Amino acid sequence: MMRQMLLAISTVVLTAGMAYAQADTPGIDQRQANQERRIDQGIASGQLTQREAARLDRQQDRIDRMENKAKADGVVTARERARLHAAQDRASRNIAREKHDAQGKRHR
């Protein structure tokens, strides 16, 4: 009886710990949402062509897959987190570069 109760408690604690670890990337999630919003705003304002936006969206999808892979084991390591931040930095630069090039201005 005591052994079953101890097993049940440890299972609950372990499951709760894994759920917390999976949700342990709020900064990365927020940044991803901000970058997707920047892409949408670029389309709406005419700063991004459909082709540019599609390329930037694919890059965001790759970052999302990287994040899901990092979370798969329940822990996002410092190295995984650094790789995600570096990928987001590259994506942010690409968004800015594409939004401020002359290409979108020609297509208005």
PDB file of N, CA and C in Angstrom:
ATOM      1  N   MET A   1       0.831  -1.187   0.000  1.00  0.00           N
ATOM      2  CA  MET A   1       0.000   0.000   0.000  1.00  0.00           C
ATOM      3  C   MET A   1       0.878   1.255   0.000  1.00  0.00           C
ATOM      4  N   MET A   2       1.845   1.311   0.885  1.00  0.00           N
ATOM      5  CA  MET A   2       2.740   2.452   0.978  1.00  0.00           C
ATOM      6  C   MET A   2       3.586   2.576  -0.294  1.00  0.00           C
ATOM      7  N   ARG A   3       3.996   1.446  -0.809  1.00  0.00           N
ATOM      8  CA  ARG A   3       4.807   1.439  -2.025  1.00  0.00           C
ATOM      9  C   ARG A   3       4.001   1.989  -3.214  1.00  0.00           C
ATOM     10  N   GLN A   4       2.734   1.609  -3.326  1.00  0.00           N
ATOM     11  CA  GLN A   4       1.884   2.102  -4.403  1.00  0.00           C
ATOM     12  C   GLN A   4       1.669   3.609  -4.287  1.00  0.00           C
ATOM     13  N   MET A   5       1.481   4.080  -3.062  1.00  0.00           N
ATOM     14  CA  MET A   5       1.275   5.506  -2.850  1.00  0.00           C
ATOM     15  C   MET A   5       2.545   6.284  -3.206  1.00  0.00           C
ATOM     16  N   LEU A   6       3.681   5.770  -2.833  1.00  0.00           N
ATOM     17  CA  LEU A   6       4.957   6.413  -3.143  1.00  0.00           C
ATOM     18  C   LEU A   6       5.184   6.436  -4.654  1.00  0.00           C
ATOM     19  N   LEU A   7       4.852   5.351  -5.322  1.00  0.00           N
ATOM     20  CA  LEU A   7       4.972   5.279  -6.774  1.00  0.00           C
ATOM     21  C   LEU A   7       4.037   6.290  -7.445  1.00  0.00           C
ATOM     22  N   ALA A   8       2.821   6.394  -6.947  1.00  0.00           N
ATOM     23  CA  ALA A   8       1.854   7.343  -7.510  1.00  0.00           C
ATOM     24  C   ALA A   8       2.340   8.784  -7.330  1.00  0.00           C
ATOM     25  N   ILE A   9       2.856   9.104  -6.172  1.00  0.00           N
ATOM     26  CA  ILE A   9       3.350  10.456  -5.905  1.00  0.00           C
ATOM     27  C   ILE A   9       4.545  10.776  -6.792  1.00  0.00           C
ATOM     28  N   SER A  10       5.474   9.843  -6.913  1.00  0.00           N
ATOM     29  CA  SER A  10       6.659  10.104  -7.744  1.00  0.00           C
ATOM     30  C   SER A  10       6.277  10.252  -9.214  1.00  0.00           C
ATOM     31  N   THR A  11       5.275   9.521  -9.663  1.00  0.00           N
ATOM     32  CA  THR A  11       4.806   9.645 -11.037  1.00  0.00           C
ATOM     33  C   THR A  11       4.217  11.028 -11.280  1.00  0.00           C
ATOM     34  N   VAL A  12       3.413  11.507 -10.335  1.00  0.00           N
ATOM     35  CA  VAL A  12       2.803  12.834 -10.463  1.00  0.00           C
ATOM     36  C   VAL A  12       3.891  13.914 -10.481  1.00  0.00           C
ATOM     37  N   VAL A  13       4.855  13.804  -9.594  1.00  0.00           N
ATOM     38  CA  VAL A  13       5.935  14.798  -9.535  1.00  0.00           C
ATOM     39  C   VAL A  13       6.756  14.774 -10.823  1.00  0.00           C
ATOM     40  N   LEU A  14       7.069  13.608 -11.322  1.00  0.00           N
ATOM     41  CA  LEU A  14       7.845  13.487 -12.550  1.00  0.00           C
ATOM     42  C   LEU A  14       7.081  14.059 -13.743  1.00  0.00           C
ATOM     43  N   THR A  15       5.809  13.745 -13.841  1.00  0.00           N
ATOM     44  CA  THR A  15       4.978  14.250 -14.934  1.00  0.00           C
ATOM     45  C   THR A  15       4.867  15.770 -14.863  1.00  0.00           C
ATOM     46  N   ALA A  16       4.661  16.309 -13.685  1.00  0.00           N
ATOM     47  CA  ALA A  16       4.569  17.764 -13.524  1.00  0.00           C
ATOM     48  C   ALA A  16       5.896  18.419 -13.893  1.00  0.00           C
ATOM     49  N   GLY A  17       6.984  17.796 -13.516  1.00  0.00           N
ATOM     50  CA  GLY A  17       8.308  18.333 -13.854  1.00  0.00           C
ATOM     51  C   GLY A  17       8.536  18.357 -15.354  1.00  0.00           C
ATOM     52  N   MET A  18       8.118  17.335 -16.053  1.00  0.00           N
ATOM     53  CA  MET A  18       8.282  17.302 -17.505  1.00  0.00           C
ATOM     54  C   MET A  18       7.404  18.353 -18.170  1.00  0.00           C
ATOM     55  N   ALA A  19       6.186  18.522 -17.680  1.00  0.00           N
ATOM     56  CA  ALA A  19       5.297  19.531 -18.257  1.00  0.00           C
ATOM     57  C   ALA A  19       5.891  20.921 -18.055  1.00  0.00           C
ATOM     58  N   TYR A  20       6.475  21.171 -16.902  1.00  0.00           N
ATOM     59  CA  TYR A  20       7.091  22.466 -16.639  1.00  0.00           C
ATOM     60  C   TYR A  20       8.300  22.674 -17.542  1.00  0.00           C
ATOM     61  N   ALA A  21       9.103  21.661 -17.719  1.00  0.00           N
ATOM     62  CA  ALA A  21      10.304  21.795 -18.554  1.00  0.00           C
ATOM     63  C   ALA A  21       9.929  22.065 -20.006  1.00  0.00           C
ATOM     64  N   GLN A  22       8.862  21.463 -20.479  1.00  0.00           N
ATOM     65  CA  GLN A  22       8.445  21.679 -21.855  1.00  0.00           C
ATOM     66  C   GLN A  22       7.967  23.107 -22.075  1.00  0.00           C
ATOM     67  N   ALA A  23       7.391  23.716 -21.052  1.00  0.00           N
ATOM     68  CA  ALA A  23       6.892  25.076 -21.177  1.00  0.00           C
ATOM     69  C   ALA A  23       7.960  26.078 -20.737  1.00  0.00           C
ATOM     70  N   ASP A  24       9.188  25.648 -20.654  1.00  0.00           N
ATOM     71  CA  ASP A  24      10.264  26.457 -20.091  1.00  0.00           C
ATOM     72  C   ASP A  24      10.934  27.357 -21.124  1.00  0.00           C
ATOM     73  N   THR A  25      10.231  27.719 -22.195  1.00  0.00           N
ATOM     74  CA  THR A  25      10.825  28.587 -23.210  1.00  0.00           C
ATOM     75  C   THR A  25       9.902  29.761 -23.545  1.00  0.00           C
ATOM     76  N   PRO A  26       9.394  30.457 -22.539  1.00  0.00           N
ATOM     77  CA  PRO A  26       8.468  31.553 -22.843  1.00  0.00           C
ATOM     78  C   PRO A  26       9.136  32.689 -23.623  1.00  0.00           C
ATOM     79  N   GLY A  27      10.401  32.964 -23.354  1.00  0.00           N
ATOM     80  CA  GLY A  27      11.104  34.016 -24.090  1.00  0.00           C
ATOM     81  C   GLY A  27      11.264  33.663 -25.555  1.00  0.00           C
ATOM     82  N   ILE A  28      11.602  32.414 -25.820  1.00  0.00           N
ATOM     83  CA  ILE A  28      11.765  31.955 -27.199  1.00  0.00           C
ATOM     84  C   ILE A  28      10.415  31.991 -27.910  1.00  0.00           C
ATOM     85  N   ASP A  29       9.366  31.545 -27.222  1.00  0.00           N
ATOM     86  CA  ASP A  29       8.025  31.551 -27.817  1.00  0.00           C
ATOM     87  C   ASP A  29       7.562  32.973 -28.123  1.00  0.00           C
ATOM     88  N   GLN A  30       7.822  33.903 -27.205  1.00  0.00           N
ATOM     89  CA  GLN A  30       7.412  35.289 -27.409  1.00  0.00           C
ATOM     90  C   GLN A  30       8.162  35.908 -28.581  1.00  0.00           C
ATOM     91  N   ARG A  31       9.448  35.625 -28.661  1.00  0.00           N
ATOM     92  CA  ARG A  31      10.237  36.176 -29.753  1.00  0.00           C
ATOM     93  C   ARG A  31       9.765  35.624 -31.098  1.00  0.00           C
ATOM     94  N   GLN A  32       9.435  34.343 -31.112  1.00  0.00           N
ATOM     95  CA  GLN A  32       8.915  33.718 -32.331  1.00  0.00           C
ATOM     96  C   GLN A  32       7.621  34.412 -32.757  1.00  0.00           C
ATOM     97  N   ALA A  33       6.731  34.665 -31.810  1.00  0.00           N
ATOM     98  CA  ALA A  33       5.464  35.330 -32.110  1.00  0.00           C
ATOM     99  C   ALA A  33       5.717  36.752 -32.635  1.00  0.00           C
ATOM    100  N   ASN A  34       6.669  37.456 -32.027  1.00  0.00           N
ATOM    101  CA  ASN A  34       6.994  38.819 -32.473  1.00  0.00           C
ATOM    102  C   ASN A  34       7.510  38.814 -33.911  1.00  0.00           C
ATOM    103  N   GLN A  35       8.352  37.848 -34.229  1.00  0.00           N
ATOM    104  CA  GLN A  35       8.916  37.790 -35.574  1.00  0.00           C
ATOM    105  C   GLN A  35       7.839  37.442 -36.598  1.00  0.00           C
ATOM    106  N   GLU A  36       6.938  36.560 -36.241  1.00  0.00           N
ATOM    107  CA  GLU A  36       5.837  36.233 -37.158  1.00  0.00           C
ATOM    108  C   GLU A  36       4.937  37.451 -37.364  1.00  0.00           C
ATOM    109  N   ARG A  37       4.731  38.228 -36.306  1.00  0.00           N
ATOM    110  CA  ARG A  37       3.940  39.455 -36.414  1.00  0.00           C
ATOM    111  C   ARG A  37       4.642  40.471 -37.317  1.00  0.00           C
ATOM    112  N   ARG A  38       5.975  40.568 -37.223  1.00  0.00           N
ATOM    113  CA  ARG A  38       6.736  41.470 -38.088  1.00  0.00           C
ATOM    114  C   ARG A  38       6.584  41.081 -39.558  1.00  0.00           C
ATOM    115  N   ILE A  39       6.585  39.777 -39.826  1.00  0.00           N
ATOM    116  CA  ILE A  39       6.402  39.302 -41.205  1.00  0.00           C
ATOM    117  C   ILE A  39       5.004  39.682 -41.699  1.00  0.00           C
ATOM    118  N   ASP A  40       3.979  39.430 -40.872  1.00  0.00           N
ATOM    119  CA  ASP A  40       2.598  39.767 -41.256  1.00  0.00           C
ATOM    120  C   ASP A  40       2.460  41.267 -41.510  1.00  0.00           C
ATOM    121  N   GLN A  41       3.088  42.079 -40.661  1.00  0.00           N
ATOM    122  CA  GLN A  41       3.027  43.531 -40.824  1.00  0.00           C
ATOM    123  C   GLN A  41       3.721  43.942 -42.119  1.00  0.00           C
ATOM    124  N   GLY A  42       4.821  43.268 -42.452  1.00  0.00           N
ATOM    125  CA  GLY A  42       5.535  43.565 -43.691  1.00  0.00           C
ATOM    126  C   GLY A  42       4.709  43.265 -44.929  1.00  0.00           C
ATOM    127  N   ILE A  43       3.928  42.206 -44.874  1.00  0.00           N
ATOM    128  CA  ILE A  43       3.032  41.867 -45.990  1.00  0.00           C
ATOM    129  C   ILE A  43       1.948  42.935 -46.105  1.00  0.00           C
ATOM    130  N   ALA A  44       1.348  43.282 -44.962  1.00  0.00           N
ATOM    131  CA  ALA A  44       0.245  44.248 -44.952  1.00  0.00           C
ATOM    132  C   ALA A  44       0.695  45.625 -45.461  1.00  0.00           C
ATOM    133  N   SER A  45       1.922  46.025 -45.114  1.00  0.00           N
ATOM    134  CA  SER A  45       2.397  47.355 -45.508  1.00  0.00           C
ATOM    135  C   SER A  45       2.991  47.377 -46.910  1.00  0.00           C
ATOM    136  N   GLY A  46       3.192  46.205 -47.489  1.00  0.00           N
ATOM    137  CA  GLY A  46       3.792  46.134 -48.811  1.00  0.00           C
ATOM    138  C   GLY A  46       5.308  46.124 -48.789  1.00  0.00           C
ATOM    139  N   GLN A  47       5.900  46.061 -47.601  1.00  0.00           N
ATOM    140  CA  GLN A  47       7.355  46.021 -47.503  1.00  0.00           C
ATOM    141  C   GLN A  47       7.917  44.661 -47.894  1.00  0.00           C
ATOM    142  N   LEU A  48       7.088  43.624 -47.815  1.00  0.00           N
ATOM    143  CA  LEU A  48       7.518  42.274 -48.179  1.00  0.00           C
ATOM    144  C   LEU A  48       6.683  41.763 -49.343  1.00  0.00           C
ATOM    145  N   THR A  49       7.355  41.134 -50.295  1.00  0.00           N
ATOM    146  CA  THR A  49       6.636  40.464 -51.363  1.00  0.00           C
ATOM    147  C   THR A  49       6.162  39.108 -50.834  1.00  0.00           C
ATOM    148  N   GLN A  50       5.266  38.473 -51.537  1.00  0.00           N
ATOM    149  CA  GLN A  50       4.790  37.156 -51.124  1.00  0.00           C
ATOM    150  C   GLN A  50       5.942  36.147 -51.081  1.00  0.00           C
ATOM    151  N   ARG A  51       6.840  36.259 -52.040  1.00  0.00           N
ATOM    152  CA  ARG A  51       7.976  35.337 -52.096  1.00  0.00           C
ATOM    153  C   ARG A  51       8.906  35.523 -50.892  1.00  0.00           C
ATOM    154  N   GLU A  52       9.185  36.789 -50.559  1.00  0.00           N
ATOM    155  CA  GLU A  52      10.026  37.070 -49.393  1.00  0.00           C
ATOM    156  C   GLU A  52       9.360  36.553 -48.124  1.00  0.00           C
ATOM    157  N   ALA A  53       8.063  36.827 -47.990  1.00  0.00           N
ATOM    158  CA  ALA A  53       7.326  36.400 -46.805  1.00  0.00           C
ATOM    159  C   ALA A  53       7.318  34.878 -46.680  1.00  0.00           C
ATOM    160  N   ALA A  54       7.156  34.187 -47.792  1.00  0.00           N
ATOM    161  CA  ALA A  54       7.147  32.718 -47.761  1.00  0.00           C
ATOM    162  C   ALA A  54       8.496  32.184 -47.292  1.00  0.00           C
ATOM    163  N   ARG A  55       9.576  32.793 -47.772  1.00  0.00           N
ATOM    164  CA  ARG A  55      10.914  32.375 -47.360  1.00  0.00           C
ATOM    165  C   ARG A  55      11.119  32.618 -45.860  1.00  0.00           C
ATOM    166  N   LEU A  56      10.691  33.778 -45.381  1.00  0.00           N
ATOM    167  CA  LEU A  56      10.823  34.097 -43.957  1.00  0.00           C
ATOM    168  C   LEU A  56       9.946  33.185 -43.096  1.00  0.00           C
ATOM    169  N   ASP A  57       8.751  32.856 -43.586  1.00  0.00           N
ATOM    170  CA  ASP A  57       7.874  31.930 -42.858  1.00  0.00           C
ATOM    171  C   ASP A  57       8.501  30.538 -42.758  1.00  0.00           C
ATOM    172  N   ARG A  58       9.141  30.091 -43.832  1.00  0.00           N
ATOM    173  CA  ARG A  58       9.813  28.780 -43.787  1.00  0.00           C
ATOM    174  C   ARG A  58      10.938  28.797 -42.750  1.00  0.00           C
ATOM    175  N   GLN A  59      11.650  29.905 -42.662  1.00  0.00           N
ATOM    176  CA  GLN A  59      12.719  30.016 -41.668  1.00  0.00           C
ATOM    177  C   GLN A  59      12.126  29.945 -40.251  1.00  0.00           C
ATOM    178  N   GLN A  60      10.980  30.586 -40.028  1.00  0.00           N
ATOM    179  CA  GLN A  60      10.327  30.523 -38.719  1.00  0.00           C
ATOM    180  C   GLN A  60       9.864  29.094 -38.421  1.00  0.00           C
ATOM    181  N   ASP A  61       9.384  28.395 -39.440  1.00  0.00           N
ATOM    182  CA  ASP A  61       8.972  27.002 -39.257  1.00  0.00           C
ATOM    183  C   ASP A  61      10.158  26.129 -38.848  1.00  0.00           C
ATOM    184  N   ARG A  62      11.323  26.376 -39.468  1.00  0.00           N
ATOM    185  CA  ARG A  62      12.525  25.608 -39.102  1.00  0.00           C
ATOM    186  C   ARG A  62      12.905  25.863 -37.642  1.00  0.00           C
ATOM    187  N   ILE A  63      12.813  27.102 -37.201  1.00  0.00           N
ATOM    188  CA  ILE A  63      13.128  27.436 -35.812  1.00  0.00           C
ATOM    189  C   ILE A  63      12.137  26.744 -34.882  1.00  0.00           C
ATOM    190  N   ASP A  64      10.870  26.716 -35.274  1.00  0.00           N
ATOM    191  CA  ASP A  64       9.851  26.044 -34.469  1.00  0.00           C
ATOM    192  C   ASP A  64      10.145  24.552 -34.348  1.00  0.00           C
ATOM    193  N   ARG A  65      10.581  23.934 -35.441  1.00  0.00           N
ATOM    194  CA  ARG A  65      10.945  22.509 -35.391  1.00  0.00           C
ATOM    195  C   ARG A  65      12.172  22.291 -34.508  1.00  0.00           C
ATOM    196  N   MET A  66      13.135  23.220 -34.583  1.00  0.00           N
ATOM    197  CA  MET A  66      14.319  23.122 -33.714  1.00  0.00           C
ATOM    198  C   MET A  66      13.897  23.164 -32.244  1.00  0.00           C
ATOM    199  N   GLU A  67      12.972  24.064 -31.934  1.00  0.00           N
ATOM    200  CA  GLU A  67      12.501  24.197 -30.552  1.00  0.00           C
ATOM    201  C   GLU A  67      11.775  22.933 -30.099  1.00  0.00           C
ATOM    202  N   ASN A  68      10.910  22.405 -30.957  1.00  0.00           N
ATOM    203  CA  ASN A  68      10.195  21.176 -30.606  1.00  0.00           C
ATOM    204  C   ASN A  68      11.156  20.016 -30.385  1.00  0.00           C
ATOM    205  N   LYS A  69      12.188  19.941 -31.204  1.00  0.00           N
ATOM    206  CA  LYS A  69      13.186  18.881 -31.043  1.00  0.00           C
ATOM    207  C   LYS A  69      13.943  19.056 -29.726  1.00  0.00           C
ATOM    208  N   ALA A  70      14.264  20.308 -29.387  1.00  0.00           N
ATOM    209  CA  ALA A  70      14.978  20.572 -28.135  1.00  0.00           C
ATOM    210  C   ALA A  70      14.117  20.212 -26.927  1.00  0.00           C
ATOM    211  N   LYS A  71      12.821  20.424 -27.040  1.00  0.00           N
ATOM    212  CA  LYS A  71      11.898  20.142 -25.936  1.00  0.00           C
ATOM    213  C   LYS A  71      11.523  18.665 -25.837  1.00  0.00           C
ATOM    214  N   ALA A  72      11.823  17.886 -26.853  1.00  0.00           N
ATOM    215  CA  ALA A  72      11.351  16.501 -26.937  1.00  0.00           C
ATOM    216  C   ALA A  72      11.738  15.654 -25.733  1.00  0.00           C
ATOM    217  N   ASP A  73      12.922  15.891 -25.175  1.00  0.00           N
ATOM    218  CA  ASP A  73      13.343  15.087 -24.027  1.00  0.00           C
ATOM    219  C   ASP A  73      12.936  15.719 -22.696  1.00  0.00           C
ATOM    220  N   GLY A  74      12.198  16.835 -22.757  1.00  0.00           N
ATOM    221  CA  GLY A  74      11.701  17.463 -21.532  1.00  0.00           C
ATOM    222  C   GLY A  74      12.626  18.508 -20.951  1.00  0.00           C
ATOM    223  N   VAL A  75      13.815  18.677 -21.528  1.00  0.00           N
ATOM    224  CA  VAL A  75      14.774  19.656 -21.016  1.00  0.00           C
ATOM    225  C   VAL A  75      15.397  20.392 -22.187  1.00  0.00           C
ATOM    226  N   VAL A  76      15.424  21.710 -22.101  1.00  0.00           N
ATOM    227  CA  VAL A  76      16.111  22.511 -23.109  1.00  0.00           C
ATOM    228  C   VAL A  76      17.451  22.911 -22.498  1.00  0.00           C
ATOM    229  N   THR A  77      18.516  22.327 -23.022  1.00  0.00           N
ATOM    230  CA  THR A  77      19.845  22.584 -22.464  1.00  0.00           C
ATOM    231  C   THR A  77      20.327  23.981 -22.842  1.00  0.00           C
ATOM    232  N   ALA A  78      21.372  24.435 -22.190  1.00  0.00           N
ATOM    233  CA  ALA A  78      21.948  25.748 -22.485  1.00  0.00           C
ATOM    234  C   ALA A  78      22.430  25.803 -23.936  1.00  0.00           C
ATOM    235  N   ARG A  79      23.011  24.725 -24.414  1.00  0.00           N
ATOM    236  CA  ARG A  79      23.490  24.680 -25.802  1.00  0.00           C
ATOM    237  C   ARG A  79      22.318  24.778 -26.789  1.00  0.00           C
ATOM    238  N   GLU A  80      21.238  24.032 -26.517  1.00  0.00           N
ATOM    239  CA  GLU A  80      20.064  24.094 -27.378  1.00  0.00           C
ATOM    240  C   GLU A  80      19.456  25.500 -27.368  1.00  0.00           C
ATOM    241  N   ARG A  81      19.397  26.083 -26.170  1.00  0.00           N
ATOM    242  CA  ARG A  81      18.852  27.432 -26.036  1.00  0.00           C
ATOM    243  C   ARG A  81      19.701  28.439 -26.820  1.00  0.00           C
ATOM    244  N   ALA A  82      21.019  28.299 -26.758  1.00  0.00           N
ATOM    245  CA  ALA A  82      21.925  29.191 -27.488  1.00  0.00           C
ATOM    246  C   ALA A  82      21.728  29.038 -28.996  1.00  0.00           C
ATOM    247  N   ARG A  83      21.564  27.807 -29.465  1.00  0.00           N
ATOM    248  CA  ARG A  83      21.331  27.584 -30.896  1.00  0.00           C
ATOM    249  C   ARG A  83      20.012  28.203 -31.344  1.00  0.00           C
ATOM    250  N   LEU A  84      18.980  28.094 -30.491  1.00  0.00           N
ATOM    251  CA  LEU A  84      17.691  28.701 -30.821  1.00  0.00           C
ATOM    252  C   LEU A  84      17.805  30.224 -30.889  1.00  0.00           C
ATOM    253  N   HIS A  85      18.515  30.805 -29.923  1.00  0.00           N
ATOM    254  CA  HIS A  85      18.696  32.264 -29.931  1.00  0.00           C
ATOM    255  C   HIS A  85      19.481  32.708 -31.168  1.00  0.00           C
ATOM    256  N   ALA A  86      20.503  31.963 -31.533  1.00  0.00           N
ATOM    257  CA  ALA A  86      21.294  32.312 -32.722  1.00  0.00           C
ATOM    258  C   ALA A  86      20.429  32.226 -33.984  1.00  0.00           C
ATOM    259  N   ALA A  87      19.591  31.201 -34.075  1.00  0.00           N
ATOM    260  CA  ALA A  87      18.702  31.056 -35.231  1.00  0.00           C
ATOM    261  C   ALA A  87      17.701  32.204 -35.275  1.00  0.00           C
ATOM    262  N   GLN A  88      17.201  32.601 -34.107  1.00  0.00           N
ATOM    263  CA  GLN A  88      16.263  33.717 -34.063  1.00  0.00           C
ATOM    264  C   GLN A  88      16.954  35.030 -34.423  1.00  0.00           C
ATOM    265  N   ASP A  89      18.201  35.193 -34.015  1.00  0.00           N
ATOM    266  CA  ASP A  89      18.966  36.391 -34.389  1.00  0.00           C
ATOM    267  C   ASP A  89      19.100  36.484 -35.911  1.00  0.00           C
ATOM    268  N   ARG A  90      19.449  35.354 -36.544  1.00  0.00           N
ATOM    269  CA  ARG A  90      19.573  35.332 -38.011  1.00  0.00           C
ATOM    270  C   ARG A  90      18.240  35.666 -38.673  1.00  0.00           C
ATOM    271  N   ALA A  91      17.168  35.072 -38.155  1.00  0.00           N
ATOM    272  CA  ALA A  91      15.845  35.312 -38.730  1.00  0.00           C
ATOM    273  C   ALA A  91      15.460  36.786 -38.574  1.00  0.00           C
ATOM    274  N   SER A  92      15.763  37.371 -37.436  1.00  0.00           N
ATOM    275  CA  SER A  92      15.440  38.776 -37.212  1.00  0.00           C
ATOM    276  C   SER A  92      16.180  39.680 -38.198  1.00  0.00           C
ATOM    277  N   ARG A  93      17.445  39.398 -38.415  1.00  0.00           N
ATOM    278  CA  ARG A  93      18.227  40.168 -39.396  1.00  0.00           C
ATOM    279  C   ARG A  93      17.650  40.003 -40.801  1.00  0.00           C
ATOM    280  N   ASN A  94      17.255  38.785 -41.148  1.00  0.00           N
ATOM    281  CA  ASN A  94      16.670  38.542 -42.466  1.00  0.00           C
ATOM    282  C   ASN A  94      15.361  39.300 -42.645  1.00  0.00           C
ATOM    283  N   ILE A  95      14.532  39.324 -41.601  1.00  0.00           N
ATOM    284  CA  ILE A  95      13.267  40.056 -41.679  1.00  0.00           C
ATOM    285  C   ILE A  95      13.547  41.536 -41.906  1.00  0.00           C
ATOM    286  N   ALA A  96      14.446  42.097 -41.119  1.00  0.00           N
ATOM    287  CA  ALA A  96      14.769  43.527 -41.253  1.00  0.00           C
ATOM    288  C   ALA A  96      15.332  43.832 -42.636  1.00  0.00           C
ATOM    289  N   ARG A  97      16.231  42.989 -43.107  1.00  0.00           N
ATOM    290  CA  ARG A  97      16.853  43.195 -44.421  1.00  0.00           C
ATOM    291  C   ARG A  97      15.801  43.176 -45.534  1.00  0.00           C
ATOM    292  N   GLU A  98      14.909  42.197 -45.485  1.00  0.00           N
ATOM    293  CA  GLU A  98      13.894  42.070 -46.530  1.00  0.00           C
ATOM    294  C   GLU A  98      12.861  43.193 -46.463  1.00  0.00           C
ATOM    295  N   LYS A  99      12.512  43.630 -45.245  1.00  0.00           N
ATOM    296  CA  LYS A  99      11.519  44.689 -45.115  1.00  0.00           C
ATOM    297  C   LYS A  99      12.046  46.033 -45.600  1.00  0.00           C
ATOM    298  N   HIS A 100      13.367  46.214 -45.557  1.00  0.00           N
ATOM    299  CA  HIS A 100      13.931  47.516 -45.901  1.00  0.00           C
ATOM    300  C   HIS A 100      14.680  47.529 -47.227  1.00  0.00           C
ATOM    301  N   ASP A 101      14.518  46.483 -48.013  1.00  0.00           N
ATOM    302  CA  ASP A 101      15.132  46.519 -49.341  1.00  0.00           C
ATOM    303  C   ASP A 101      14.187  47.228 -50.309  1.00  0.00           C
ATOM    304  N   ALA A 102      14.662  47.507 -51.481  1.00  0.00           N
ATOM    305  CA  ALA A 102      13.867  48.265 -52.449  1.00  0.00           C
ATOM    306  C   ALA A 102      12.842  47.380 -53.167  1.00  0.00           C
ATOM    307  N   GLN A 103      12.940  46.080 -52.990  1.00  0.00           N
ATOM    308  CA  GLN A 103      12.096  45.151 -53.736  1.00  0.00           C
ATOM    309  C   GLN A 103      10.611  45.379 -53.482  1.00  0.00           C
ATOM    310  N   GLY A 104      10.209  45.505 -52.238  1.00  0.00           N
ATOM    311  CA  GLY A 104       8.795  45.682 -51.920  1.00  0.00           C
ATOM    312  C   GLY A 104       8.238  46.976 -52.488  1.00  0.00           C
ATOM    313  N   LYS A 105       9.046  48.017 -52.567  1.00  0.00           N
ATOM    314  CA  LYS A 105       8.601  49.311 -53.056  1.00  0.00           C
ATOM    315  C   LYS A 105       8.238  49.266 -54.540  1.00  0.00           C
ATOM    316  N   ARG A 106       8.910  48.419 -55.294  1.00  0.00           N
ATOM    317  CA  ARG A 106       8.629  48.301 -56.731  1.00  0.00           C
ATOM    318  C   ARG A 106       7.287  47.636 -56.992  1.00  0.00           C
ATOM    319  N   HIS A 107       6.823  46.826 -56.054  1.00  0.00           N
ATOM    320  CA  HIS A 107       5.638  45.996 -56.296  1.00  0.00           C
ATOM    321  C   HIS A 107       4.357  46.623 -55.766  1.00  0.00           C
ATOM    322  N   ARG A 108       4.400  47.873 -55.338  1.00  0.00           N
ATOM    323  CA  ARG A 108       3.184  48.492 -54.794  1.00  0.00           C
ATOM    324  C   ARG A 108       2.278  48.949 -55.887  1.00  0.00           C
TER     325      ARG A 108
END
